[in-house]
Amino acid sequence: MLRLAIARRALHTTPKLAATGSGFSRFNPWAKKPEAQEPAPSPESTTTSSTTATAPTFEVEYSEAPEIVSWKNETVIEDPQQVTTIVESIVQSSFPSAGEWQSVVLGDQKFTVVKEAMKQLGREVSDRELNGIQTASELLQHFVQPRPVARTVRETLEQQDLPPNVVFVERKEKI
C-alpha cells in the first residue's frame, strides 16, 4: 500500500478541476478567454442602440512595393556594328590613355568593364567565360558571336566545354 501511494505521488496527474475553468488556460496565451455573459437587452435599449450605433470604419493605407528595375538592358543587342560601338565606348571611357582600344589588357578594371558591357548590351557573361576574357578584343568577340539555342540537355552539355571531372551519362531505362 505504501508503494502504491509513492507511485501515485510520483506520477504527474492533475485533477479535472484544474483543467477546466481558469486552470490550464491561464498559462496558455493562445487559449480562448471565457466570455462574460451579457444580460439580455430590453426592447427599449435595442431600438436606441441600433439607431446610434454605426458600422465601424477602418482607415487602411495600401502601398505596393516598388518595382525592382533590372540592371540589364531589356533588349538584347545582337547587331555586330552596335556591339562594337558600345564595347569600344566602354573600353575608351575606362582606359582614356589607351591607343588601340582592342589591344587593351583589362586587368584590374575587367569586372567594371564587363559589367557595364552586360548592362548596355543585355547579355550576360558566365563565370567560366569571364575567366577567359583578358583583353578588349576577347570581350568584343564574346559579345559578337551568336549564341546557339540548345533544345535538349544533351545538346546544351555538348555545346559547352565541360571540365574533365564532369561527364554527362544518358539514362538507359525509361521511368
N, C-alpha and C. Protein backbone atom coordinates (compact mmCIF):
# COMPACT_ATOMS: atom_id res chain seq x y z
N MET A 1 0.83 -1.18 0.00
CA MET A 1 0.00 0.00 0.00
C MET A 1 0.87 1.24 0.00
N LEU A 2 1.98 1.15 0.69
CA LEU A 2 2.90 2.27 0.74
C LEU A 2 3.51 2.53 -0.63
N ARG A 3 3.85 1.44 -1.33
CA ARG A 3 4.40 1.59 -2.67
C ARG A 3 3.40 2.24 -3.61
N LEU A 4 2.16 1.92 -3.51
CA LEU A 4 1.12 2.49 -4.36
C LEU A 4 0.98 3.98 -4.10
N ALA A 5 1.07 4.39 -2.85
CA ALA A 5 0.98 5.81 -2.51
C ALA A 5 2.17 6.57 -3.07
N ILE A 6 3.35 5.99 -3.00
CA ILE A 6 4.54 6.64 -3.55
C ILE A 6 4.44 6.73 -5.06
N ALA A 7 3.96 5.67 -5.69
CA ALA A 7 3.82 5.66 -7.14
C ALA A 7 2.81 6.70 -7.60
N ARG A 8 1.74 6.89 -6.84
CA ARG A 8 0.73 7.89 -7.22
C ARG A 8 1.32 9.29 -7.08
N ARG A 9 2.14 9.49 -6.08
CA ARG A 9 2.74 10.79 -5.86
C ARG A 9 3.76 11.10 -6.97
N ALA A 10 4.45 10.07 -7.46
CA ALA A 10 5.48 10.28 -8.47
C ALA A 10 4.86 10.59 -9.84
N LEU A 11 3.69 10.08 -10.09
CA LEU A 11 3.03 10.35 -11.38
C LEU A 11 2.51 11.78 -11.40
N HIS A 12 2.62 12.38 -12.55
CA HIS A 12 2.11 13.74 -12.70
C HIS A 12 0.65 13.64 -13.13
N THR A 13 -0.22 13.87 -12.22
CA THR A 13 -1.65 13.83 -12.53
C THR A 13 -2.26 15.14 -12.11
N THR A 14 -3.27 15.53 -12.82
CA THR A 14 -3.97 16.77 -12.48
C THR A 14 -5.44 16.48 -12.34
N PRO A 15 -6.05 17.07 -11.39
CA PRO A 15 -7.48 16.86 -11.24
C PRO A 15 -8.25 17.55 -12.37
N LYS A 16 -9.43 17.09 -12.58
CA LYS A 16 -10.27 17.62 -13.64
C LYS A 16 -10.58 19.09 -13.40
N LEU A 17 -10.65 19.50 -12.18
CA LEU A 17 -10.97 20.88 -11.86
C LEU A 17 -9.90 21.84 -12.36
N ALA A 18 -8.65 21.44 -12.32
CA ALA A 18 -7.57 22.33 -12.78
C ALA A 18 -7.59 22.48 -14.29
N ALA A 19 -8.10 21.48 -15.00
CA ALA A 19 -8.12 21.53 -16.45
C ALA A 19 -9.27 22.36 -16.98
N THR A 20 -10.26 22.64 -16.19
CA THR A 20 -11.41 23.41 -16.65
C THR A 20 -11.42 24.77 -15.99
N GLY A 21 -12.23 25.63 -16.50
CA GLY A 21 -12.37 26.96 -15.91
C GLY A 21 -11.11 27.77 -16.10
N SER A 22 -10.52 28.19 -15.02
CA SER A 22 -9.32 29.02 -15.12
C SER A 22 -8.07 28.20 -14.83
N GLY A 23 -8.11 26.91 -15.16
CA GLY A 23 -6.98 26.04 -14.85
C GLY A 23 -5.82 26.27 -15.80
N PHE A 24 -5.64 25.40 -16.80
CA PHE A 24 -4.50 25.48 -17.69
C PHE A 24 -4.59 26.66 -18.63
N SER A 25 -5.76 27.12 -18.93
CA SER A 25 -5.90 28.20 -19.91
C SER A 25 -5.24 29.48 -19.46
N ARG A 26 -5.07 29.66 -18.19
CA ARG A 26 -4.42 30.88 -17.73
C ARG A 26 -2.93 30.85 -18.04
N PHE A 27 -2.35 29.66 -18.26
CA PHE A 27 -0.95 29.55 -18.64
C PHE A 27 -0.75 29.57 -20.15
N ASN A 28 -1.79 29.34 -20.90
CA ASN A 28 -1.72 29.28 -22.36
C ASN A 28 -2.15 30.62 -22.93
N PRO A 29 -1.25 31.38 -23.52
CA PRO A 29 -1.64 32.69 -24.04
C PRO A 29 -2.56 32.62 -25.25
N TRP A 30 -2.63 31.46 -25.93
CA TRP A 30 -3.47 31.34 -27.11
C TRP A 30 -4.85 30.76 -26.78
N ALA A 31 -5.07 30.39 -25.55
CA ALA A 31 -6.35 29.82 -25.17
C ALA A 31 -7.43 30.89 -25.22
N LYS A 32 -8.62 30.46 -25.58
CA LYS A 32 -9.74 31.41 -25.64
C LYS A 32 -10.12 31.81 -24.23
N LYS A 33 -10.33 33.07 -24.06
CA LYS A 33 -10.76 33.57 -22.77
C LYS A 33 -12.27 33.36 -22.65
N PRO A 34 -12.72 32.98 -21.46
CA PRO A 34 -14.17 32.81 -21.30
C PRO A 34 -14.85 34.18 -21.42
N GLU A 35 -15.88 34.21 -22.25
CA GLU A 35 -16.59 35.47 -22.47
C GLU A 35 -17.61 35.69 -21.36
N ALA A 36 -17.65 36.90 -20.91
CA ALA A 36 -18.64 37.24 -19.87
C ALA A 36 -20.01 37.30 -20.53
N GLN A 37 -20.96 36.70 -19.89
CA GLN A 37 -22.31 36.70 -20.45
C GLN A 37 -22.97 38.04 -20.16
N GLU A 38 -23.48 38.63 -21.22
CA GLU A 38 -24.16 39.92 -21.07
C GLU A 38 -25.64 39.65 -20.81
N PRO A 39 -26.26 40.50 -20.03
CA PRO A 39 -27.69 40.31 -19.81
C PRO A 39 -28.44 40.58 -21.11
N ALA A 40 -29.56 39.91 -21.27
CA ALA A 40 -30.37 40.07 -22.47
C ALA A 40 -30.87 41.52 -22.54
N PRO A 41 -30.73 42.17 -23.68
CA PRO A 41 -31.14 43.57 -23.78
C PRO A 41 -32.67 43.70 -23.77
N SER A 42 -33.10 44.76 -23.19
CA SER A 42 -34.54 45.01 -23.16
C SER A 42 -34.95 45.61 -24.50
N PRO A 43 -36.24 45.55 -24.84
CA PRO A 43 -36.69 46.07 -26.14
C PRO A 43 -36.42 47.57 -26.28
N GLU A 44 -36.44 48.31 -25.18
CA GLU A 44 -36.19 49.75 -25.27
C GLU A 44 -34.74 50.04 -25.64
N SER A 45 -33.81 49.26 -25.09
CA SER A 45 -32.40 49.53 -25.35
C SER A 45 -31.99 49.11 -26.76
N THR A 46 -32.69 48.13 -27.35
CA THR A 46 -32.32 47.70 -28.70
C THR A 46 -32.68 48.75 -29.73
N THR A 47 -33.76 49.47 -29.55
CA THR A 47 -34.14 50.49 -30.53
C THR A 47 -33.19 51.68 -30.46
N THR A 48 -32.76 52.06 -29.28
CA THR A 48 -31.88 53.21 -29.16
C THR A 48 -30.46 52.87 -29.61
N SER A 49 -30.01 51.65 -29.32
CA SER A 49 -28.64 51.30 -29.68
C SER A 49 -28.50 51.08 -31.18
N SER A 50 -29.53 50.60 -31.86
CA SER A 50 -29.42 50.35 -33.29
C SER A 50 -29.43 51.66 -34.08
N THR A 51 -30.07 52.68 -33.56
CA THR A 51 -30.08 53.95 -34.29
C THR A 51 -28.80 54.74 -34.06
N THR A 52 -28.21 54.62 -32.89
CA THR A 52 -27.00 55.38 -32.60
C THR A 52 -25.73 54.64 -33.02
N ALA A 53 -25.77 53.32 -33.10
CA ALA A 53 -24.58 52.55 -33.46
C ALA A 53 -24.35 52.65 -34.97
N THR A 54 -23.12 52.90 -35.34
CA THR A 54 -22.78 52.94 -36.76
C THR A 54 -21.75 51.85 -37.04
N ALA A 55 -21.66 51.50 -38.28
CA ALA A 55 -20.70 50.46 -38.67
C ALA A 55 -19.29 51.00 -38.49
N PRO A 56 -18.41 50.18 -37.97
CA PRO A 56 -17.03 50.66 -37.77
C PRO A 56 -16.34 50.88 -39.12
N THR A 57 -15.56 51.90 -39.18
CA THR A 57 -14.79 52.17 -40.41
C THR A 57 -13.32 52.00 -40.11
N PHE A 58 -12.62 51.53 -41.09
CA PHE A 58 -11.19 51.29 -40.95
C PHE A 58 -10.46 52.10 -41.99
N GLU A 59 -9.45 52.79 -41.56
CA GLU A 59 -8.61 53.53 -42.49
C GLU A 59 -7.35 52.70 -42.71
N VAL A 60 -7.29 52.09 -43.88
CA VAL A 60 -6.16 51.23 -44.20
C VAL A 60 -5.44 51.83 -45.40
N GLU A 61 -4.15 51.99 -45.27
CA GLU A 61 -3.36 52.51 -46.37
C GLU A 61 -2.68 51.33 -47.07
N TYR A 62 -2.93 51.20 -48.35
CA TYR A 62 -2.31 50.15 -49.14
C TYR A 62 -1.16 50.77 -49.92
N SER A 63 -0.05 50.14 -49.84
CA SER A 63 1.08 50.62 -50.64
C SER A 63 1.74 49.41 -51.29
N GLU A 64 1.98 49.55 -52.57
CA GLU A 64 2.61 48.46 -53.29
C GLU A 64 4.12 48.61 -53.20
N ALA A 65 4.78 47.49 -53.22
CA ALA A 65 6.24 47.52 -53.18
C ALA A 65 6.76 48.13 -54.48
N PRO A 66 7.82 48.88 -54.40
CA PRO A 66 8.34 49.48 -55.63
C PRO A 66 8.84 48.39 -56.58
N GLU A 67 8.64 48.63 -57.85
CA GLU A 67 9.04 47.66 -58.85
C GLU A 67 10.56 47.60 -58.92
N ILE A 68 11.07 46.39 -58.93
CA ILE A 68 12.51 46.22 -58.99
C ILE A 68 12.93 46.31 -60.45
N VAL A 69 13.73 47.29 -60.74
CA VAL A 69 14.17 47.51 -62.10
C VAL A 69 15.43 46.70 -62.35
N SER A 70 15.44 46.00 -63.47
CA SER A 70 16.60 45.19 -63.80
C SER A 70 17.78 46.09 -64.15
N TRP A 71 18.95 45.66 -63.78
CA TRP A 71 20.15 46.45 -64.07
C TRP A 71 20.59 46.24 -65.50
N LYS A 72 20.07 45.19 -66.16
CA LYS A 72 20.42 44.91 -67.55
C LYS A 72 19.49 45.66 -68.49
N ASN A 73 19.93 45.82 -69.71
CA ASN A 73 19.10 46.39 -70.76
C ASN A 73 18.01 45.38 -71.10
N GLU A 74 16.80 45.85 -71.30
CA GLU A 74 15.68 44.94 -71.60
C GLU A 74 15.86 44.26 -72.96
N THR A 75 16.34 45.01 -73.94
CA THR A 75 16.53 44.44 -75.27
C THR A 75 17.98 44.00 -75.43
N VAL A 76 18.15 42.82 -75.96
CA VAL A 76 19.49 42.28 -76.19
C VAL A 76 19.97 42.78 -77.55
N ILE A 77 21.10 43.44 -77.55
CA ILE A 77 21.65 43.99 -78.79
C ILE A 77 22.50 42.91 -79.44
N GLU A 78 22.13 42.52 -80.66
CA GLU A 78 22.82 41.45 -81.38
C GLU A 78 23.60 41.97 -82.59
N ASP A 79 23.31 43.17 -83.07
CA ASP A 79 23.95 43.72 -84.26
C ASP A 79 25.45 43.92 -83.99
N PRO A 80 26.32 43.31 -84.80
CA PRO A 80 27.76 43.42 -84.55
C PRO A 80 28.29 44.86 -84.60
N GLN A 81 27.72 45.71 -85.44
CA GLN A 81 28.17 47.10 -85.51
C GLN A 81 27.86 47.84 -84.21
N GLN A 82 26.64 47.65 -83.71
CA GLN A 82 26.25 48.30 -82.45
C GLN A 82 27.07 47.76 -81.28
N VAL A 83 27.28 46.45 -81.27
CA VAL A 83 28.06 45.83 -80.19
C VAL A 83 29.48 46.39 -80.19
N THR A 84 30.07 46.50 -81.38
CA THR A 84 31.43 47.03 -81.48
C THR A 84 31.49 48.47 -80.99
N THR A 85 30.51 49.28 -81.37
CA THR A 85 30.49 50.68 -80.95
C THR A 85 30.35 50.80 -79.44
N ILE A 86 29.46 50.01 -78.86
CA ILE A 86 29.22 50.09 -77.41
C ILE A 86 30.44 49.61 -76.63
N VAL A 87 31.02 48.48 -77.03
CA VAL A 87 32.20 47.96 -76.32
C VAL A 87 33.37 48.93 -76.46
N GLU A 88 33.52 49.52 -77.64
CA GLU A 88 34.61 50.50 -77.84
C GLU A 88 34.44 51.70 -76.92
N SER A 89 33.21 52.22 -76.81
CA SER A 89 32.98 53.39 -75.95
C SER A 89 33.23 53.05 -74.48
N ILE A 90 32.86 51.84 -74.06
CA ILE A 90 33.07 51.44 -72.67
C ILE A 90 34.57 51.31 -72.37
N VAL A 91 35.31 50.68 -73.29
CA VAL A 91 36.75 50.50 -73.08
C VAL A 91 37.47 51.84 -73.10
N GLN A 92 37.09 52.73 -74.03
CA GLN A 92 37.75 54.03 -74.10
C GLN A 92 37.43 54.91 -72.90
N SER A 93 36.22 54.76 -72.32
CA SER A 93 35.90 55.55 -71.13
C SER A 93 36.65 55.02 -69.90
N SER A 94 36.91 53.70 -69.86
CA SER A 94 37.63 53.12 -68.73
C SER A 94 39.14 53.30 -68.86
N PHE A 95 39.65 53.30 -70.10
CA PHE A 95 41.09 53.45 -70.37
C PHE A 95 41.28 54.62 -71.33
N PRO A 96 41.21 55.86 -70.86
CA PRO A 96 41.29 57.01 -71.77
C PRO A 96 42.67 57.19 -72.41
N SER A 97 43.72 56.70 -71.81
CA SER A 97 45.06 56.90 -72.36
C SER A 97 45.48 55.78 -73.32
N ALA A 98 44.62 54.79 -73.53
CA ALA A 98 44.97 53.66 -74.39
C ALA A 98 44.90 54.09 -75.85
N GLY A 99 45.86 53.61 -76.65
CA GLY A 99 45.87 53.95 -78.07
C GLY A 99 44.88 53.09 -78.84
N GLU A 100 45.27 51.86 -79.13
CA GLU A 100 44.40 50.93 -79.84
C GLU A 100 43.52 50.23 -78.80
N TRP A 101 42.22 50.46 -78.86
CA TRP A 101 41.33 50.00 -77.79
C TRP A 101 41.19 48.49 -77.75
N GLN A 102 41.33 47.80 -78.89
CA GLN A 102 41.15 46.34 -78.90
C GLN A 102 42.32 45.60 -78.27
N SER A 103 43.47 46.22 -78.20
CA SER A 103 44.64 45.54 -77.62
C SER A 103 44.82 45.83 -76.14
N VAL A 104 43.86 46.55 -75.55
CA VAL A 104 43.96 46.91 -74.14
C VAL A 104 43.77 45.67 -73.27
N VAL A 105 44.68 45.47 -72.33
CA VAL A 105 44.53 44.40 -71.33
C VAL A 105 43.65 44.95 -70.22
N LEU A 106 42.56 44.26 -69.93
CA LEU A 106 41.57 44.78 -68.98
C LEU A 106 42.09 44.81 -67.55
N GLY A 107 42.80 43.80 -67.14
CA GLY A 107 43.44 43.80 -65.82
C GLY A 107 42.47 44.01 -64.67
N ASP A 108 42.80 44.99 -63.81
CA ASP A 108 42.01 45.23 -62.59
C ASP A 108 40.61 45.76 -62.88
N GLN A 109 40.45 46.45 -64.00
CA GLN A 109 39.14 47.04 -64.31
C GLN A 109 38.27 46.10 -65.14
N LYS A 110 38.68 44.86 -65.26
CA LYS A 110 37.94 43.90 -66.08
C LYS A 110 36.49 43.77 -65.63
N PHE A 111 36.26 43.67 -64.34
CA PHE A 111 34.91 43.42 -63.85
C PHE A 111 34.00 44.63 -64.08
N THR A 112 34.53 45.82 -63.91
CA THR A 112 33.69 47.01 -64.15
C THR A 112 33.39 47.16 -65.63
N VAL A 113 34.36 46.87 -66.50
CA VAL A 113 34.15 46.97 -67.94
C VAL A 113 33.14 45.92 -68.40
N VAL A 114 33.29 44.70 -67.93
CA VAL A 114 32.38 43.62 -68.33
C VAL A 114 30.97 43.89 -67.81
N LYS A 115 30.85 44.38 -66.59
CA LYS A 115 29.52 44.66 -66.04
C LYS A 115 28.84 45.77 -66.82
N GLU A 116 29.57 46.81 -67.18
CA GLU A 116 28.98 47.90 -67.96
C GLU A 116 28.57 47.39 -69.35
N ALA A 117 29.37 46.50 -69.94
CA ALA A 117 29.01 45.92 -71.23
C ALA A 117 27.75 45.06 -71.11
N MET A 118 27.64 44.30 -70.02
CA MET A 118 26.44 43.48 -69.81
C MET A 118 25.22 44.37 -69.62
N LYS A 119 25.37 45.49 -68.92
CA LYS A 119 24.26 46.42 -68.71
C LYS A 119 23.75 46.96 -70.03
N GLN A 120 24.67 47.43 -70.85
CA GLN A 120 24.26 48.11 -72.07
C GLN A 120 23.85 47.16 -73.18
N LEU A 121 24.45 45.98 -73.24
CA LEU A 121 24.14 45.04 -74.32
C LEU A 121 23.02 44.07 -73.97
N GLY A 122 22.75 43.86 -72.69
CA GLY A 122 21.66 42.97 -72.29
C GLY A 122 22.02 41.50 -72.30
N ARG A 123 23.27 41.17 -72.51
CA ARG A 123 23.72 39.77 -72.48
C ARG A 123 24.63 39.56 -71.29
N GLU A 124 24.58 38.38 -70.73
CA GLU A 124 25.40 38.07 -69.56
C GLU A 124 26.67 37.34 -69.96
N VAL A 125 27.63 37.40 -69.08
CA VAL A 125 28.88 36.67 -69.24
C VAL A 125 28.97 35.72 -68.06
N SER A 126 29.07 34.42 -68.36
CA SER A 126 29.15 33.44 -67.26
C SER A 126 30.52 33.51 -66.61
N ASP A 127 30.62 32.95 -65.42
CA ASP A 127 31.89 32.96 -64.68
C ASP A 127 32.98 32.22 -65.46
N ARG A 128 32.60 31.13 -66.08
CA ARG A 128 33.57 30.34 -66.84
C ARG A 128 34.11 31.13 -68.02
N GLU A 129 33.22 31.85 -68.71
CA GLU A 129 33.65 32.67 -69.85
C GLU A 129 34.42 33.90 -69.38
N LEU A 130 34.07 34.41 -68.21
CA LEU A 130 34.75 35.60 -67.68
C LEU A 130 36.23 35.33 -67.42
N ASN A 131 36.55 34.11 -67.01
CA ASN A 131 37.95 33.76 -66.75
C ASN A 131 38.79 33.81 -68.02
N GLY A 132 38.16 33.54 -69.17
CA GLY A 132 38.90 33.53 -70.43
C GLY A 132 39.06 34.90 -71.07
N ILE A 133 38.35 35.90 -70.59
CA ILE A 133 38.42 37.24 -71.18
C ILE A 133 39.52 38.02 -70.48
N GLN A 134 40.56 38.39 -71.26
CA GLN A 134 41.67 39.16 -70.71
C GLN A 134 41.84 40.51 -71.41
N THR A 135 41.48 40.58 -72.70
CA THR A 135 41.66 41.82 -73.46
C THR A 135 40.32 42.31 -73.97
N ALA A 136 40.32 43.53 -74.49
CA ALA A 136 39.09 44.12 -75.02
C ALA A 136 38.64 43.39 -76.28
N SER A 137 39.58 42.87 -77.07
CA SER A 137 39.19 42.13 -78.27
C SER A 137 38.49 40.82 -77.91
N GLU A 138 38.92 40.16 -76.83
CA GLU A 138 38.24 38.95 -76.38
C GLU A 138 36.84 39.27 -75.86
N LEU A 139 36.69 40.41 -75.20
CA LEU A 139 35.37 40.84 -74.74
C LEU A 139 34.46 41.11 -75.93
N LEU A 140 34.99 41.80 -76.93
CA LEU A 140 34.21 42.07 -78.14
C LEU A 140 33.82 40.78 -78.83
N GLN A 141 34.77 39.85 -78.94
CA GLN A 141 34.49 38.56 -79.59
C GLN A 141 33.38 37.81 -78.86
N HIS A 142 33.38 37.88 -77.53
CA HIS A 142 32.34 37.20 -76.75
C HIS A 142 30.95 37.75 -77.07
N PHE A 143 30.82 39.06 -77.16
CA PHE A 143 29.51 39.65 -77.39
C PHE A 143 29.09 39.61 -78.86
N VAL A 144 30.04 39.51 -79.79
CA VAL A 144 29.69 39.49 -81.21
C VAL A 144 29.23 38.11 -81.65
N GLN A 145 29.85 37.07 -81.13
CA GLN A 145 29.48 35.72 -81.59
C GLN A 145 28.05 35.38 -81.18
N PRO A 146 27.28 34.80 -82.10
CA PRO A 146 25.89 34.45 -81.76
C PRO A 146 25.84 33.25 -80.82
N ARG A 147 24.84 33.24 -80.01
CA ARG A 147 24.66 32.13 -79.07
C ARG A 147 23.71 31.11 -79.68
N PRO A 148 24.15 29.88 -79.84
CA PRO A 148 23.25 28.86 -80.36
C PRO A 148 22.21 28.47 -79.31
N VAL A 149 21.03 28.18 -79.78
CA VAL A 149 19.95 27.79 -78.87
C VAL A 149 19.92 26.27 -78.78
N ALA A 150 20.11 25.74 -77.60
CA ALA A 150 20.08 24.30 -77.38
C ALA A 150 18.66 23.87 -77.04
N ARG A 151 18.28 22.71 -77.54
CA ARG A 151 16.92 22.25 -77.32
C ARG A 151 16.83 21.17 -76.23
N THR A 152 17.86 20.40 -76.03
CA THR A 152 17.84 19.35 -75.02
C THR A 152 19.02 19.52 -74.08
N VAL A 153 19.01 18.76 -73.01
CA VAL A 153 20.10 18.81 -72.04
C VAL A 153 21.38 18.30 -72.69
N ARG A 154 21.26 17.26 -73.49
CA ARG A 154 22.42 16.69 -74.17
C ARG A 154 23.07 17.73 -75.07
N GLU A 155 22.27 18.43 -75.87
CA GLU A 155 22.82 19.46 -76.76
C GLU A 155 23.47 20.59 -75.96
N THR A 156 22.85 20.97 -74.86
CA THR A 156 23.41 22.04 -74.03
C THR A 156 24.77 21.64 -73.48
N LEU A 157 24.88 20.43 -72.97
CA LEU A 157 26.14 19.97 -72.39
C LEU A 157 27.20 19.71 -73.45
N GLU A 158 26.79 19.31 -74.66
CA GLU A 158 27.76 19.10 -75.73
C GLU A 158 28.30 20.43 -76.26
N GLN A 159 27.48 21.48 -76.22
CA GLN A 159 27.92 22.79 -76.70
C GLN A 159 28.93 23.42 -75.75
N GLN A 160 28.85 23.11 -74.49
CA GLN A 160 29.75 23.72 -73.51
C GLN A 160 30.96 22.81 -73.29
N ASP A 161 32.07 23.42 -73.00
CA ASP A 161 33.26 22.64 -72.66
C ASP A 161 33.18 22.29 -71.19
N LEU A 162 32.89 21.02 -70.93
CA LEU A 162 32.78 20.58 -69.54
C LEU A 162 34.16 20.28 -68.98
N PRO A 163 34.35 20.51 -67.70
CA PRO A 163 35.62 20.12 -67.09
C PRO A 163 35.80 18.60 -67.16
N PRO A 164 37.03 18.12 -67.06
CA PRO A 164 37.25 16.68 -67.20
C PRO A 164 36.59 15.83 -66.12
N ASN A 165 36.28 16.42 -64.97
CA ASN A 165 35.67 15.62 -63.91
C ASN A 165 34.15 15.57 -64.01
N VAL A 166 33.55 16.25 -65.00
CA VAL A 166 32.10 16.23 -65.18
C VAL A 166 31.79 15.48 -66.47
N VAL A 167 30.96 14.45 -66.37
CA VAL A 167 30.61 13.63 -67.52
C VAL A 167 29.09 13.52 -67.57
N PHE A 168 28.53 13.67 -68.78
CA PHE A 168 27.10 13.51 -68.96
C PHE A 168 26.83 12.08 -69.38
N VAL A 169 26.02 11.37 -68.59
CA VAL A 169 25.67 9.99 -68.89
C VAL A 169 24.17 9.94 -69.07
N GLU A 170 23.75 9.44 -70.24
CA GLU A 170 22.32 9.35 -70.51
C GLU A 170 21.71 8.19 -69.75
N ARG A 171 20.45 8.37 -69.36
CA ARG A 171 19.72 7.30 -68.67
C ARG A 171 19.28 6.29 -69.72
N LYS A 172 19.49 5.01 -69.46
CA LYS A 172 19.16 3.98 -70.43
C LYS A 172 17.76 3.43 -70.26
N GLU A 173 17.23 3.51 -69.07
CA GLU A 173 15.89 2.97 -68.83
C GLU A 173 14.89 4.10 -68.71
N LYS A 174 13.70 3.83 -69.12
CA LYS A 174 12.62 4.82 -69.04
C LYS A 174 11.93 4.70 -67.69
N ILE A 175 11.55 5.81 -67.17
CA ILE A 175 10.84 5.81 -65.89
C ILE A 175 9.37 5.72 -66.15
